[in-house]
């Protein structure tokens, strides 16, 4: 059973090779002390378009999501609080499907 402070974020990676880039970025954040330990979860589909990552705290997940998703997609996160994690393009379509 997960702890109440744990956070699972789904990161778009665009295939199995994108996971290496994501892991490198997360390890950089970990090395700088910006986030705590993280753990790889499961792929969301058989095409490996996105993967779930578990963080020990919600804050770690927020920091990682801002650093990694925005860097991967090349689009800034929206400032609208209701639409905070909107991502445009094909990756955004995946995220919208996941939330449904």
Protein backbone atom coordinates (compact mmCIF):
# COMPACT_ATOMS: atom_id res chain seq x y z
CA UNK A 1 0.00 0.00 0.00
CA UNK A 2 1.50 3.37 -1.03
CA UNK A 3 2.31 6.00 1.59
CA UNK A 4 0.07 9.06 1.62
CA UNK A 5 3.02 11.26 0.62
CA UNK A 6 3.99 9.19 -2.42
CA UNK A 7 3.37 10.56 -5.89
CA UNK A 8 3.13 8.75 -9.24
CA UNK A 9 3.63 10.84 -12.38
CA UNK A 10 3.20 9.65 -15.95
CA UNK A 11 5.97 11.03 -18.16
CA UNK A 12 5.71 11.09 -21.95
CA UNK A 13 8.91 9.62 -23.37
CA UNK A 14 8.15 8.90 -27.02
CA UNK A 15 9.51 5.35 -26.97
CA UNK A 16 11.93 3.16 -25.10
CA UNK A 17 14.94 5.35 -25.91
CA UNK A 18 13.28 8.37 -24.28
CA UNK A 19 13.45 6.64 -20.90
CA UNK A 20 17.24 7.00 -20.88
CA UNK A 21 16.92 10.78 -21.36
CA UNK A 22 14.29 10.94 -18.63
CA UNK A 23 16.41 8.87 -16.24
CA UNK A 24 19.44 11.08 -16.93
CA UNK A 25 17.43 14.21 -16.13
CA UNK A 26 15.93 12.69 -12.96
CA UNK A 27 19.37 11.54 -11.81
CA UNK A 28 20.72 15.07 -12.34
CA UNK A 29 17.92 16.45 -10.15
CA UNK A 30 18.65 13.76 -7.54
CA UNK A 31 22.38 14.47 -7.59
CA UNK A 32 21.75 18.21 -7.07
CA UNK A 33 19.47 17.42 -4.13
CA UNK A 34 16.38 18.88 -5.80
CA UNK A 35 14.41 15.64 -5.54
CA UNK A 36 14.61 12.48 -3.46
CA UNK A 37 14.86 8.88 -4.71
CA UNK A 38 12.56 7.85 -7.56
CA UNK A 39 11.46 4.46 -8.89
CA UNK A 40 10.49 3.35 -12.39
CA UNK A 41 6.94 2.11 -12.75
CA UNK A 42 5.08 0.53 -15.67
CA UNK A 43 4.59 1.59 -19.27
CA UNK A 44 1.14 2.97 -19.99
CA UNK A 45 0.81 1.06 -23.27
CA UNK A 46 2.56 -1.45 -25.51
CA UNK A 47 3.96 1.34 -27.74
CA UNK A 48 6.00 2.75 -24.83
CA UNK A 49 4.73 6.30 -25.30
CA UNK A 50 4.83 7.12 -21.59
CA UNK A 51 6.00 5.60 -18.32
CA UNK A 52 4.98 5.99 -14.69
CA UNK A 53 7.57 7.14 -12.15
CA UNK A 54 7.02 6.99 -8.38
CA UNK A 55 8.41 9.71 -6.10
CA UNK A 56 8.48 9.70 -2.31
CA UNK A 57 6.78 13.10 -2.02
CA UNK A 58 4.36 15.20 -4.05
CA UNK A 59 6.90 18.03 -4.06
CA UNK A 60 9.50 15.78 -5.70
CA UNK A 61 6.95 14.82 -8.34
CA UNK A 62 6.07 18.45 -9.05
CA UNK A 63 9.71 19.47 -9.41
CA UNK A 64 10.50 16.51 -11.67
CA UNK A 65 7.43 17.10 -13.81
CA UNK A 66 8.28 20.76 -14.36
CA UNK A 67 11.91 19.95 -15.16
CA UNK A 68 11.36 16.88 -17.35
CA UNK A 69 8.00 17.19 -19.10
CA UNK A 70 8.51 20.81 -20.09
CA UNK A 71 12.06 20.07 -21.27
CA UNK A 72 10.87 17.08 -23.31
CA UNK A 73 7.91 18.82 -24.92
CA UNK A 74 9.50 22.21 -25.43
CA UNK A 75 6.37 24.01 -24.25
CA UNK A 76 5.99 25.88 -20.98
CA UNK A 77 3.40 24.78 -18.47
CA UNK A 78 0.28 26.91 -18.47
CA UNK A 79 -0.10 29.45 -15.67
CA UNK A 80 -3.83 28.74 -15.39
CA UNK A 81 -4.22 26.64 -12.24
CA UNK A 82 -7.00 24.51 -13.78
CA UNK A 83 -4.87 23.82 -16.80
CA UNK A 84 -1.50 23.64 -15.10
CA UNK A 85 -0.04 20.60 -16.81
CA UNK A 86 -1.48 21.04 -20.30
CA UNK A 87 0.93 19.88 -22.95
CA UNK A 88 0.32 20.59 -26.61
CA UNK A 89 0.92 18.25 -29.54
CA UNK A 90 0.87 14.43 -29.68
CA UNK A 91 2.18 14.09 -26.14
CA UNK A 92 -0.66 16.29 -24.88
CA UNK A 93 -3.16 14.00 -26.54
CA UNK A 94 -1.73 11.07 -24.58
CA UNK A 95 -1.98 13.01 -21.32
CA UNK A 96 -5.60 14.01 -22.02
CA UNK A 97 -6.53 10.37 -22.70
CA UNK A 98 -4.93 9.30 -19.44
CA UNK A 99 -6.97 11.79 -17.43
CA UNK A 100 -10.27 10.54 -18.90
